[in-house]
Amino acid sequence: MTEAFEATDVSATARRGPHIVWDWNGTLLHDIDAVILATNASFAEFGFAPITLETYRELYVVPVPKFYERLMGRMPTEAEWLVMDETFHRHYWSSAETAGLAEGALELLRGWQGAGSTQSLLSLAPHDKLVPLVRTHGIDTHFLRVDGRTGPSHTTKAGHLVRHMAAMAAAGVTADRTVLIGDAVDDALAAAHVGARAVLYTGGSHSRGSLESAGVPVVDTLAEAVATAREMAE
């Protein structure tokens, strides 16, 4: 298994305080344009019509094969899924390198760490691609830990979050003081699975209506997300 990146310069005085687990795609990284481009490229492999951002946000769900089922009217075959998944990632990663951080993300990361609180990053993006990209943006030193996906792509975040939290237990990170900030209903489900809380951000993969179905706070900016997370974790 690929080793996780772990920061080494976070002060011990931050232990046992509030902790944020950040999602990456659609949350810290504003990559929705790359996602739509890659999704439509994967559809084109089988002659399906392209979709709009609005349609994507209304129908998106994790695990991803279920999203394709909503769009196609049936679950893709294993052969179709392999082609669509490969096509998506090939087009996505060629575009993601030029995607920028979400508005205010860098300042929020600095501010949270500067206030003596801890944070980490957990993504379903492949670990070996995630870590170099995070470092390229110069934000890796703000995190106790950065974990990407190391298994199949058709998965949910819950199991990954269990391992992510367990790896930070020695640093004093506890679920009851942790808030996950993400852009998908799956983020809220993962947080509930480990006994943490969640705030969902509308700048990524889901419509506001879809996010509100999770029954957790929904916000339109990352600044609101951080303020809400602090209130929830205190």
Foldseek 3Di string as FASTA:
>chain_A
DDDWDFADPQDLQQAQAFEEAEEDALTFWLQQVLQQVLQQQLCVVVPDHRDDLQVQQAQDDALRQSSVCVVVVHRDDPVSVVSSVVSSVVSSVVPSLPTHTFPPSVVLLCVCSVVSHAYAYEYQAARVSVVVSCVVNVRNNSHRIYDYDDDDSRHFCQVVVVVVQVVCVVSNDAQLSYEYEEAHLSSQVSSVSRNHGYEHEPRGRHHPVRNVVSVHHYDHGVVVRSVVSNVRND
